[in-house]
Amino acid sequence: GNEKSEVNREIQEILNLKSYQDNPEKYVRSHLDQIIPLILYAWSIANKPQFPKDTQIVALLLVIHSNDKGLLEQVRTGEGKTLIVGLIAAFLALCGHAVDIVSSNRDLAIEGEQKCRSFFQLLKLESGHICSENDEVNHQSYRSDLNTSQGNIVYGEVGTFQRDILEEEFNSKKIFGKRYENRNKSLIVDEVDNMCLDKARHVL
């Protein structure tokens, strides 16, 4: 049959469950044997014929195992960081988190979101980036449908996130809407060494 329809049906059945809607994180973490294969299968359908490599799957499992602790992961060049970030973001969003992904530059943020968008859509997850020239378009990325139990995913460059936080906190602009209210928050930093070491003198 239609593989995309099958994934959509499976994920919708989960999203409709009262036990999921009451506590997405508890449901997901107690059904890892169902959720992890569904995430991996959804990626393979969205990006045929690519299936996640062992390294990428292990990277996802380590994040799941770390639970609410911070985790620093290092992978070799060419191991597919874009996919790893996408898999982790999808898992956390299914747990109901508001997920922010910080890239070292604007182009990587746009490319990462575009490459993973069809994968996220298969899992019925909203995604966007804040790298447009139009501020209103960027701000719309933060404002997900608050009627859903699952969280949404926002890609951006570190300076853009900084600017939006300062605008909201010090200039009282309503940029984030209610995105961070009543949700756990997760931050994924791509190329963290670039931001914290190479550009340490230029990044707040």
Protein backbone atom coordinates (compact mmCIF):
# COMPACT_ATOMS: atom_id res chain seq x y z
CA GLY A 1 0.00 0.00 0.00
CA ASN A 2 0.87 3.66 0.23
CA GLU A 3 3.73 3.84 2.74
CA LYS A 4 3.23 7.52 3.57
CA SER A 5 -0.45 6.94 4.28
CA GLU A 6 0.48 4.05 6.55
CA VAL A 7 2.90 6.18 8.58
CA ASN A 8 0.31 8.98 8.75
CA ARG A 9 -2.33 6.53 9.97
CA GLU A 10 -0.06 5.06 12.63
CA ILE A 11 1.06 8.41 13.99
CA GLN A 12 -2.49 9.79 13.96
CA GLU A 13 -3.69 6.80 15.99
CA ILE A 14 -1.05 7.62 18.60
CA LEU A 15 -1.88 11.35 18.63
CA ASN A 16 -5.57 10.54 19.15
CA LEU A 17 -4.96 8.44 22.25
CA LYS A 18 -6.09 10.09 25.49
CA SER A 19 -3.02 8.68 27.26
CA TYR A 20 -0.82 10.49 24.73
CA GLN A 21 -2.76 13.74 24.91
CA ASP A 22 -2.68 13.72 28.73
CA ASN A 23 1.09 13.25 28.91
CA PRO A 24 2.96 12.95 25.59
CA GLU A 25 6.38 12.42 27.16
CA LYS A 26 5.21 9.67 29.49
CA TYR A 27 3.44 7.89 26.62
CA VAL A 28 6.41 8.14 24.23
CA ARG A 29 8.98 6.98 26.78
CA SER A 30 6.82 4.04 27.83
CA HIS A 31 6.31 2.97 24.19
CA LEU A 32 9.84 3.31 22.80
CA ASP A 33 9.54 -0.06 21.05
CA GLN A 34 6.75 1.49 18.97
CA ILE A 35 7.97 5.09 18.63
CA ILE A 36 11.63 4.57 17.65
CA PRO A 37 10.92 2.22 14.70
CA LEU A 38 8.14 4.57 13.54
CA ILE A 39 10.54 7.55 13.54
CA LEU A 40 13.23 5.61 11.65
CA TYR A 41 10.72 4.21 9.16
CA ALA A 42 9.24 7.68 8.57
CA TRP A 43 12.71 9.01 7.74
CA SER A 44 13.35 6.18 5.26
CA ILE A 45 10.00 6.88 3.55
CA ALA A 46 10.57 10.65 3.38
CA ASN A 47 14.13 10.21 2.07
CA LYS A 48 14.08 7.07 -0.07
CA PRO A 49 16.24 5.03 -0.34
CA GLN A 50 18.17 6.42 2.64
CA PHE A 51 17.81 4.60 5.98
CA PRO A 52 19.51 5.92 9.13
CA LYS A 53 23.01 4.50 9.68
CA ASP A 54 23.99 2.70 12.89
CA THR A 55 25.89 5.78 14.10
CA GLN A 56 22.81 7.95 13.63
CA ILE A 57 20.55 5.49 15.43
CA VAL A 58 23.01 5.21 18.34
CA ALA A 59 23.16 9.02 18.56
CA LEU A 60 19.36 9.10 18.90
CA LEU A 61 19.34 6.31 21.50
CA LEU A 62 21.96 8.12 23.60
CA VAL A 63 19.80 11.25 23.71
CA ILE A 64 16.76 9.19 24.69
CA HIS A 65 18.78 7.46 27.41
CA SER A 66 20.12 10.78 28.76
CA ASN A 67 16.49 11.83 29.41
CA ASP A 68 16.48 15.33 30.95
CA LYS A 69 20.26 15.68 31.28
CA GLY A 70 22.40 17.61 28.82
CA LEU A 71 24.41 15.58 26.33
CA LEU A 72 27.39 16.39 24.10
CA GLU A 73 27.77 14.16 21.04
CA GLN A 74 30.63 14.03 18.57
CA VAL A 75 30.41 12.35 15.16
CA ARG A 76 32.85 12.20 12.30
CA THR A 77 32.53 14.37 9.22
CA GLY A 78 30.13 12.72 6.77
CA GLU A 79 28.24 10.74 9.42
CA GLY A 80 25.10 12.78 8.80
CA LYS A 81 24.62 15.38 11.51
CA THR A 82 21.61 16.86 9.72
CA LEU A 83 19.77 13.56 10.04
CA ILE A 84 20.85 13.07 13.66
CA VAL A 85 19.55 16.51 14.58
CA GLY A 86 16.29 15.79 12.71
CA LEU A 87 15.76 12.43 14.44
CA ILE A 88 16.39 13.91 17.89
CA ALA A 89 14.16 16.92 17.18
CA ALA A 90 11.32 14.65 16.03
CA PHE A 91 11.57 12.49 19.14
CA LEU A 92 11.55 15.49 21.48
CA ALA A 93 8.67 17.16 19.62
CA LEU A 94 6.64 13.94 19.88
CA CYS A 95 7.35 14.16 23.63
CA GLY A 96 5.56 17.52 23.51
CA HIS A 97 8.64 19.72 23.73
CA ALA A 98 9.16 23.08 22.05
CA VAL A 99 12.41 22.32 20.17
CA ASP A 100 14.88 25.01 19.12
CA ILE A 101 17.79 24.07 16.84
CA VAL A 102 20.73 26.49 16.79
CA SER A 103 22.98 26.33 13.73
CA SER A 104 26.33 28.06 13.26
CA ASN A 105 25.08 30.03 10.25
CA ARG A 106 21.90 31.04 8.44
CA ASP A 107 22.38 28.80 5.39
CA LEU A 108 22.83 25.64 7.48
CA ALA A 109 19.67 26.43 9.44
CA ILE A 110 17.59 26.86 6.28
CA GLU A 111 19.08 23.76 4.66
CA GLY A 112 18.55 21.64 7.78
CA GLU A 113 14.89 22.58 8.10
CA GLN A 114 14.17 22.10 4.40
CA LYS A 115 15.89 18.70 4.31
CA CYS A 116 13.88 17.44 7.30
CA ARG A 117 10.54 19.13 6.55
CA SER A 118 8.90 16.21 4.70
CA PHE A 119 10.05 13.86 7.47
CA PHE A 120 8.52 16.09 10.15
CA GLN A 121 5.31 16.42 8.16
CA LEU A 122 4.98 12.63 7.96
CA LEU A 123 5.02 12.56 11.75
CA LYS A 124 2.54 15.46 11.85
CA LEU A 125 5.09 17.82 13.38
CA GLU A 126 5.28 21.52 12.52
CA SER A 127 8.68 22.97 11.63
CA GLY A 128 10.05 26.28 10.42
CA HIS A 129 13.11 28.51 10.43
CA ILE A 130 13.71 32.09 11.55
CA CYS A 131 16.11 33.05 8.75
CA SER A 132 13.72 34.93 6.46
CA GLU A 133 14.24 38.61 5.63
CA ASN A 134 10.67 39.15 6.86
CA ASP A 135 10.45 39.28 10.68
CA GLU A 136 6.74 38.47 10.73
CA VAL A 137 7.37 35.28 8.75
CA ASN A 138 10.10 34.35 11.23
CA HIS A 139 7.90 35.03 14.25
CA GLN A 140 5.15 32.85 12.78
CA SER A 141 7.52 29.88 13.02
CA TYR A 142 7.38 30.13 16.82
CA ARG A 143 3.60 30.19 16.92
CA SER A 144 2.63 26.58 16.52
CA ASP A 145 -0.86 25.19 16.89
CA LEU A 146 -1.26 25.14 20.68
CA ASN A 147 -4.19 22.75 20.41
CA THR A 148 -1.85 19.86 19.59
CA SER A 149 -0.09 17.74 22.20
CA GLN A 150 3.07 17.43 20.12
CA GLY A 151 5.58 20.29 20.09
CA ASN A 152 7.04 22.11 17.09
CA ILE A 153 10.58 22.58 15.78
CA VAL A 154 12.33 25.87 14.98
CA TYR A 155 15.70 26.19 13.23
CA GLY A 156 17.78 29.35 13.39
CA GLU A 157 21.20 30.94 13.62
CA VAL A 158 22.40 31.82 17.12
CA GLY A 159 22.30 35.58 16.58
CA THR A 160 18.68 35.45 15.44
CA PHE A 161 17.59 33.58 18.55
CA GLN A 162 19.52 36.09 20.68
CA ARG A 163 17.85 39.03 18.98
CA ASP A 164 14.35 37.58 19.42
CA ILE A 165 14.94 36.85 23.11
CA LEU A 166 16.20 40.40 23.69
CA GLU A 167 13.29 41.91 21.74
CA GLU A 168 10.77 39.93 23.80
CA GLU A 169 12.37 40.47 27.21
CA PHE A 170 13.57 44.07 26.94
CA ASN A 171 11.38 45.66 24.25
CA SER A 172 8.22 43.79 25.29
CA LYS A 173 7.55 42.56 21.75
CA LYS A 174 5.29 39.50 21.60
CA ILE A 175 7.46 37.30 19.41
CA PHE A 176 7.11 33.81 20.89
CA GLY A 177 3.39 33.90 21.57
CA LYS A 178 2.58 31.11 24.03
CA ARG A 179 5.09 28.67 22.57
CA TYR A 180 7.09 28.19 25.76
CA GLU A 181 4.13 28.18 28.14
CA ASN A 182 3.15 24.81 29.62
CA ARG A 183 5.71 22.96 27.50
CA ASN A 184 9.09 21.48 28.20
CA LYS A 185 11.82 23.18 26.20
CA SER A 186 14.68 21.50 24.36
CA LEU A 187 17.71 23.12 22.75
CA ILE A 188 19.84 21.37 20.13
CA VAL A 189 23.07 23.11 19.15
CA ASP A 190 24.61 21.99 15.86
CA GLU A 191 28.41 22.40 15.62
CA VAL A 192 28.58 23.50 19.24
CA ASP A 193 32.39 23.67 19.04
CA ASN A 194 32.08 26.31 16.32
CA MET A 195 29.88 28.49 18.50
CA CYS A 196 31.53 27.97 21.89
CA LEU A 197 35.17 27.68 20.84
CA ASP A 198 35.85 29.06 17.35
CA LYS A 199 33.48 32.02 17.78
CA ALA A 200 33.64 32.32 21.58
CA ARG A 201 34.68 35.96 21.40
CA HIS A 202 31.72 36.86 19.19
CA VAL A 203 28.86 34.83 20.67
CA LEU A 204 26.93 35.78 23.80
